[in-house]
Amino acid sequence: MPTTLPLPRRLAQLIDTLNAALGKACAWLTVFLVLGTAIVVVLRYGFGIGATALQEAVLYGHALVFMGAAAWTLQRNSHVRVDIFYQAFSRRRQALVNSLGSVLLLLPLCLFLGWSSWEYVGNAWATLEGSSETGGLPLVYLQKSIILLLVVSLVLQGIAELIKCAYLLAGHGPDTEVEHG
């Protein structure tokens, strides 16, 4: 008889699933970045042709790769960490460090970033801001919205990590350890 996970664990799983899907989709954009950049370089230096729209699309893709996959990186524990002591800690102590990092650093930073960029993104949407370059993309407002995608996905992943850490700290079995990936 399959056991049903408690609501907080199901929520953490749902967030993990959504952020993993977003991260994997954004990771595939690296293929476009390589091809797009190569085409821009060949057109410019091989044929003297500018490709402003493609060059801007590569910039948009670059923003999505880094900001859209940030929460997935956190979920997989692949973010930069200065772990002089962390690796030697027990799973419970690691969960405590991760919880404190989420509550004291990650979530406040995300909330500040969301609060401080809200008007910036809102103004871009209000004017449907487009490129100032001739032949550029009319989608600058979408590019600026990637900041809010970063904020929302990281806040949600921070909540998922806190849920998983809380279960581990509460002494639940190995099936509730902090999971990554």
C-alpha atoms as a PDB file:
ATOM      1  CA  MET A   1       0.000   0.000   0.000  1.00  0.00           C
ATOM      2  CA  PRO A   2       1.670   3.258  -1.110  1.00  0.00           C
ATOM      3  CA  THR A   3       2.002   5.895   1.564  1.00  0.00           C
ATOM      4  CA  THR A   4       0.898   9.395   0.808  1.00  0.00           C
ATOM      5  CA  LEU A   5       3.409  12.109   1.552  1.00  0.00           C
ATOM      6  CA  PRO A   6       2.322  14.879   3.889  1.00  0.00           C
ATOM      7  CA  LEU A   7       1.238  18.123   2.224  1.00  0.00           C
ATOM      8  CA  PRO A   8       4.493  20.018   2.924  1.00  0.00           C
ATOM      9  CA  ARG A   9       6.553  17.215   1.329  1.00  0.00           C
ATOM     10  CA  ARG A  10       4.225  17.118  -1.697  1.00  0.00           C
ATOM     11  CA  LEU A  11       4.607  20.894  -2.016  1.00  0.00           C
ATOM     12  CA  ALA A  12       8.405  20.559  -1.897  1.00  0.00           C
ATOM     13  CA  GLN A  13       8.248  17.825  -4.555  1.00  0.00           C
ATOM     14  CA  LEU A  14       6.021  19.964  -6.774  1.00  0.00           C
ATOM     15  CA  ILE A  15       8.396  22.932  -6.476  1.00  0.00           C
ATOM     16  CA  ASP A  16      11.367  20.654  -7.204  1.00  0.00           C
ATOM     17  CA  THR A  17       9.607  19.270 -10.280  1.00  0.00           C
ATOM     18  CA  LEU A  18       8.699  22.726 -11.620  1.00  0.00           C
ATOM     19  CA  ASN A  19      12.165  24.196 -11.027  1.00  0.00           C
ATOM     20  CA  ALA A  20      13.864  21.125 -12.507  1.00  0.00           C
ATOM     21  CA  ALA A  21      11.730  21.441 -15.655  1.00  0.00           C
ATOM     22  CA  LEU A  22      12.500  25.167 -15.932  1.00  0.00           C
ATOM     23  CA  GLY A  23      16.197  24.577 -15.293  1.00  0.00           C
ATOM     24  CA  LYS A  24      16.476  21.787 -17.845  1.00  0.00           C
ATOM     25  CA  ALA A  25      14.660  23.852 -20.461  1.00  0.00           C
ATOM     26  CA  CYS A  26      16.979  26.790 -19.814  1.00  0.00           C
ATOM     27  CA  ALA A  27      20.026  24.519 -19.941  1.00  0.00           C
ATOM     28  CA  TRP A  28      19.097  23.533 -23.492  1.00  0.00           C
ATOM     29  CA  LEU A  29      19.377  27.191 -24.463  1.00  0.00           C
ATOM     30  CA  THR A  30      23.162  26.822 -24.263  1.00  0.00           C
ATOM     31  CA  VAL A  31      23.020  25.045 -27.630  1.00  0.00           C
ATOM     32  CA  PHE A  32      21.289  28.123 -29.069  1.00  0.00           C
ATOM     33  CA  LEU A  33      23.898  30.384 -27.409  1.00  0.00           C
ATOM     34  CA  VAL A  34      26.772  28.564 -29.086  1.00  0.00           C
ATOM     35  CA  LEU A  35      25.107  28.392 -32.503  1.00  0.00           C
ATOM     36  CA  GLY A  36      23.721  31.935 -32.347  1.00  0.00           C
ATOM     37  CA  THR A  37      27.053  33.423 -31.300  1.00  0.00           C
ATOM     38  CA  ALA A  38      28.880  31.485 -34.024  1.00  0.00           C
ATOM     39  CA  ILE A  39      26.429  32.732 -36.663  1.00  0.00           C
ATOM     40  CA  VAL A  40      26.747  36.358 -35.457  1.00  0.00           C
ATOM     41  CA  VAL A  41      30.549  36.143 -35.600  1.00  0.00           C
ATOM     42  CA  VAL A  42      30.617  34.515 -39.046  1.00  0.00           C
ATOM     43  CA  LEU A  43      28.117  37.024 -40.450  1.00  0.00           C
ATOM     44  CA  ARG A  44      29.946  40.026 -38.983  1.00  0.00           C
ATOM     45  CA  TYR A  45      33.565  39.088 -39.648  1.00  0.00           C
ATOM     46  CA  GLY A  46      33.089  36.794 -42.624  1.00  0.00           C
ATOM     47  CA  PHE A  47      30.519  38.739 -44.593  1.00  0.00           C
ATOM     48  CA  GLY A  48      30.341  42.185 -42.978  1.00  0.00           C
ATOM     49  CA  ILE A  49      26.668  41.667 -42.110  1.00  0.00           C
ATOM     50  CA  GLY A  50      25.234  42.745 -38.778  1.00  0.00           C
ATOM     51  CA  ALA A  51      22.657  40.528 -37.082  1.00  0.00           C
ATOM     52  CA  THR A  52      21.334  42.745 -34.283  1.00  0.00           C
ATOM     53  CA  ALA A  53      18.177  40.732 -33.627  1.00  0.00           C
ATOM     54  CA  LEU A  54      20.105  37.462 -33.382  1.00  0.00           C
ATOM     55  CA  GLN A  55      22.737  39.075 -31.184  1.00  0.00           C
ATOM     56  CA  GLU A  56      20.030  40.368 -28.842  1.00  0.00           C
ATOM     57  CA  ALA A  57      18.295  36.971 -28.858  1.00  0.00           C
ATOM     58  CA  VAL A  58      21.594  35.434 -27.704  1.00  0.00           C
ATOM     59  CA  LEU A  59      21.699  37.992 -24.863  1.00  0.00           C
ATOM     60  CA  TYR A  60      18.129  37.118 -23.868  1.00  0.00           C
ATOM     61  CA  GLY A  61      19.036  33.433 -23.949  1.00  0.00           C
ATOM     62  CA  HIS A  62      22.108  34.093 -21.829  1.00  0.00           C
ATOM     63  CA  ALA A  63      19.961  35.810 -19.206  1.00  0.00           C
ATOM     64  CA  LEU A  64      17.534  32.880 -19.210  1.00  0.00           C
ATOM     65  CA  VAL A  65      20.303  30.299 -18.857  1.00  0.00           C
ATOM     66  CA  PHE A  66      21.679  31.919 -15.737  1.00  0.00           C
ATOM     67  CA  MET A  67      18.581  33.343 -14.103  1.00  0.00           C
ATOM     68  CA  GLY A  68      16.097  30.684 -15.197  1.00  0.00           C
ATOM     69  CA  ALA A  69      18.291  27.801 -14.039  1.00  0.00           C
ATOM     70  CA  ALA A  70      19.420  29.343 -10.723  1.00  0.00           C
ATOM     71  CA  ALA A  71      16.767  27.588  -8.627  1.00  0.00           C
ATOM     72  CA  TRP A  72      17.531  24.248 -10.274  1.00  0.00           C
ATOM     73  CA  THR A  73      21.193  24.825  -9.460  1.00  0.00           C
ATOM     74  CA  LEU A  74      20.262  25.422  -5.817  1.00  0.00           C
ATOM     75  CA  GLN A  75      18.061  22.325  -5.808  1.00  0.00           C
ATOM     76  CA  ARG A  76      20.929  20.184  -7.113  1.00  0.00           C
ATOM     77  CA  ASN A  77      23.342  21.692  -4.581  1.00  0.00           C
ATOM     78  CA  SER A  78      25.501  22.869  -7.498  1.00  0.00           C
ATOM     79  CA  HIS A  79      25.770  26.497  -6.415  1.00  0.00           C
ATOM     80  CA  VAL A  80      29.052  28.024  -5.302  1.00  0.00           C
ATOM     81  CA  ARG A  81      29.719  27.210  -1.679  1.00  0.00           C
ATOM     82  CA  VAL A  82      32.744  27.887   0.483  1.00  0.00           C
ATOM     83  CA  ASP A  83      32.632  24.603   2.326  1.00  0.00           C
ATOM     84  CA  ILE A  84      35.734  24.438   4.459  1.00  0.00           C
ATOM     85  CA  PHE A  85      33.695  22.792   7.229  1.00  0.00           C
ATOM     86  CA  TYR A  86      30.363  21.999   5.554  1.00  0.00           C
ATOM     87  CA  GLN A  87      31.415  18.719   3.899  1.00  0.00           C
ATOM     88  CA  ALA A  88      32.503  17.264   7.235  1.00  0.00           C
ATOM     89  CA  PHE A  89      29.178  18.135   8.894  1.00  0.00           C
ATOM     90  CA  SER A  90      26.493  15.531   9.544  1.00  0.00           C
ATOM     91  CA  ARG A  91      23.370  15.640   7.346  1.00  0.00           C
ATOM     92  CA  ARG A  92      21.462  17.268  10.220  1.00  0.00           C
ATOM     93  CA  ARG A  93      24.085  19.986  10.702  1.00  0.00           C
ATOM     94  CA  GLN A  94      24.153  20.591   6.935  1.00  0.00           C
ATOM     95  CA  ALA A  95      20.363  20.940   7.040  1.00  0.00           C
ATOM     96  CA  LEU A  96      20.699  23.490   9.842  1.00  0.00           C
ATOM     97  CA  VAL A  97      23.285  25.493   7.868  1.00  0.00           C
ATOM     98  CA  ASN A  98      21.107  25.323   4.746  1.00  0.00           C
ATOM     99  CA  SER A  99      18.038  26.437   6.710  1.00  0.00           C
ATOM    100  CA  LEU A 100      19.856  29.387   8.255  1.00  0.00           C
ATOM    101  CA  GLY A 101      21.307  30.337   4.874  1.00  0.00           C
ATOM    102  CA  SER A 102      17.857  30.254   3.301  1.00  0.00           C
ATOM    103  CA  VAL A 103      16.152  32.243   6.060  1.00  0.00           C
ATOM    104  CA  LEU A 104      18.913  34.795   6.681  1.00  0.00           C
ATOM    105  CA  LEU A 105      20.405  35.216   3.198  1.00  0.00           C
ATOM    106  CA  LEU A 106      18.528  33.656   0.278  1.00  0.00           C
ATOM    107  CA  LEU A 107      14.954  34.704   1.051  1.00  0.00           C
ATOM    108  CA  PRO A 108      15.762  38.269   2.204  1.00  0.00           C
ATOM    109  CA  LEU A 109      17.987  38.821  -0.835  1.00  0.00           C
ATOM    110  CA  CYS A 110      15.292  37.501  -3.175  1.00  0.00           C
ATOM    111  CA  LEU A 111      12.626  39.654  -1.553  1.00  0.00           C
ATOM    112  CA  PHE A 112      14.867  42.720  -1.813  1.00  0.00           C
ATOM    113  CA  LEU A 113      15.632  41.965  -5.465  1.00  0.00           C
ATOM    114  CA  GLY A 114      11.941  41.484  -6.238  1.00  0.00           C
ATOM    115  CA  TRP A 115      10.947  44.654  -4.405  1.00  0.00           C
ATOM    116  CA  SER A 116      13.694  46.773  -5.963  1.00  0.00           C
ATOM    117  CA  SER A 117      13.152  45.514  -9.525  1.00  0.00           C
ATOM    118  CA  TRP A 118       9.338  45.533  -9.525  1.00  0.00           C
ATOM    119  CA  GLU A 119       9.042  49.125 -10.762  1.00  0.00           C
ATOM    120  CA  TYR A 120      11.888  48.618 -13.273  1.00  0.00           C
ATOM    121  CA  VAL A 121      10.107  45.634 -14.825  1.00  0.00           C
ATOM    122  CA  GLY A 122       6.687  47.285 -14.496  1.00  0.00           C
ATOM    123  CA  ASN A 123       7.853  50.372 -16.408  1.00  0.00           C
ATOM    124  CA  ALA A 124       9.237  48.167 -19.174  1.00  0.00           C
ATOM    125  CA  TRP A 125       5.859  46.407 -19.448  1.00  0.00           C
ATOM    126  CA  ALA A 126       3.900  49.676 -19.300  1.00  0.00           C
ATOM    127  CA  THR A 127       5.701  50.920 -22.394  1.00  0.00           C
ATOM    128  CA  LEU A 128       6.239  47.481 -23.977  1.00  0.00           C
ATOM    129  CA  GLU A 129       9.890  48.488 -24.107  1.00  0.00           C
ATOM    130  CA  GLY A 130      11.770  47.391 -27.181  1.00  0.00           C
ATOM    131  CA  SER A 131      15.331  47.567 -28.365  1.00  0.00           C
ATOM    132  CA  SER A 132      16.862  50.958 -29.038  1.00  0.00           C
ATOM    133  CA  GLU A 133      18.967  49.388 -31.806  1.00  0.00           C
ATOM    134  CA  THR A 134      17.820  49.417 -35.417  1.00  0.00           C
ATOM    135  CA  GLY A 135      16.773  45.888 -36.281  1.00  0.00           C
ATOM    136  CA  GLY A 136      16.696  44.903 -32.591  1.00  0.00           C
ATOM    137  CA  LEU A 137      14.018  42.876 -30.870  1.00  0.00           C
ATOM    138  CA  PRO A 138      10.909  44.629 -29.524  1.00  0.00           C
ATOM    139  CA  LEU A 139      10.962  42.391 -26.425  1.00  0.00           C
ATOM    140  CA  VAL A 140      13.141  44.155 -23.844  1.00  0.00           C
ATOM    141  CA  TYR A 141      10.214  44.065 -21.413  1.00  0.00           C
ATOM    142  CA  LEU A 142      10.291  40.249 -21.558  1.00  0.00           C
ATOM    143  CA  GLN A 143      14.027  40.186 -20.977  1.00  0.00           C
ATOM    144  CA  LYS A 144      13.652  42.394 -17.898  1.00  0.00           C
ATOM    145  CA  SER A 145      10.926  40.060 -16.618  1.00  0.00           C
ATOM    146  CA  ILE A 146      13.517  37.318 -16.300  1.00  0.00           C
ATOM    147  CA  ILE A 147      14.597  39.072 -13.088  1.00  0.00           C
ATOM    148  CA  LEU A 148      11.200  38.306 -11.557  1.00  0.00           C
ATOM    149  CA  LEU A 149      11.383  34.730 -12.847  1.00  0.00           C
ATOM    150  CA  LEU A 150      14.662  34.421 -10.933  1.00  0.00           C
ATOM    151  CA  VAL A 151      13.082  35.826  -7.780  1.00  0.00           C
ATOM    152  CA  VAL A 152       9.972  33.630  -7.877  1.00  0.00           C
ATOM    153  CA  SER A 153      11.805  30.413  -8.715  1.00  0.00           C
ATOM    154  CA  LEU A 154      14.479  30.998  -6.038  1.00  0.00           C
ATOM    155  CA  VAL A 155      11.913  31.898  -3.364  1.00  0.00           C
ATOM    156  CA  LEU A 156       9.936  28.756  -4.173  1.00  0.00           C
ATOM    157  CA  GLN A 157      13.082  26.620  -4.157  1.00  0.00           C
ATOM    158  CA  GLY A 158      14.138  28.196  -0.865  1.00  0.00           C
ATOM    159  CA  ILE A 159      10.777  27.190   0.602  1.00  0.00           C
ATOM    160  CA  ALA A 160      11.179  23.639  -0.759  1.00  0.00           C
ATOM    161  CA  GLU A 161      14.658  23.394   0.743  1.00  0.00           C
ATOM    162  CA  LEU A 162      13.365  24.655   4.094  1.00  0.00           C
ATOM    163  CA  ILE A 163      10.631  21.998   4.074  1.00  0.00           C
ATOM    164  CA  LYS A 164      13.138  19.229   3.316  1.00  0.00           C
ATOM    165  CA  CYS A 165      15.540  20.519   5.965  1.00  0.00           C
ATOM    166  CA  ALA A 166      12.745  20.756   8.546  1.00  0.00           C
ATOM    167  CA  TYR A 167      11.860  17.096   7.975  1.00  0.00           C
ATOM    168  CA  LEU A 168      15.484  16.082   8.342  1.00  0.00           C
ATOM    169  CA  LEU A 169      15.941  18.198  11.475  1.00  0.00           C
ATOM    170  CA  ALA A 170      12.759  16.701  12.940  1.00  0.00           C
ATOM    171  CA  GLY A 171      14.457  13.313  12.778  1.00  0.00           C
ATOM    172  CA  HIS A 172      12.534  11.696   9.958  1.00  0.00           C
ATOM    173  CA  GLY A 173      14.124   8.774   8.120  1.00  0.00           C
ATOM    174  CA  PRO A 174      16.550   8.740   5.210  1.00  0.00           C
ATOM    175  CA  ASP A 175      13.693   9.090   2.689  1.00  0.00           C
ATOM    176  CA  THR A 176      13.266  12.642   3.998  1.00  0.00           C
ATOM    177  CA  GLU A 177      16.916  13.669   3.785  1.00  0.00           C
ATOM    178  CA  VAL A 178      17.757  16.834   1.931  1.00  0.00           C
ATOM    179  CA  GLU A 179      17.366  15.750  -1.683  1.00  0.00           C
ATOM    180  CA  HIS A 180      19.075  17.313  -4.659  1.00  0.00           C
ATOM    181  CA  GLY A 181      18.265  16.752  -8.308  1.00  0.00           C
END
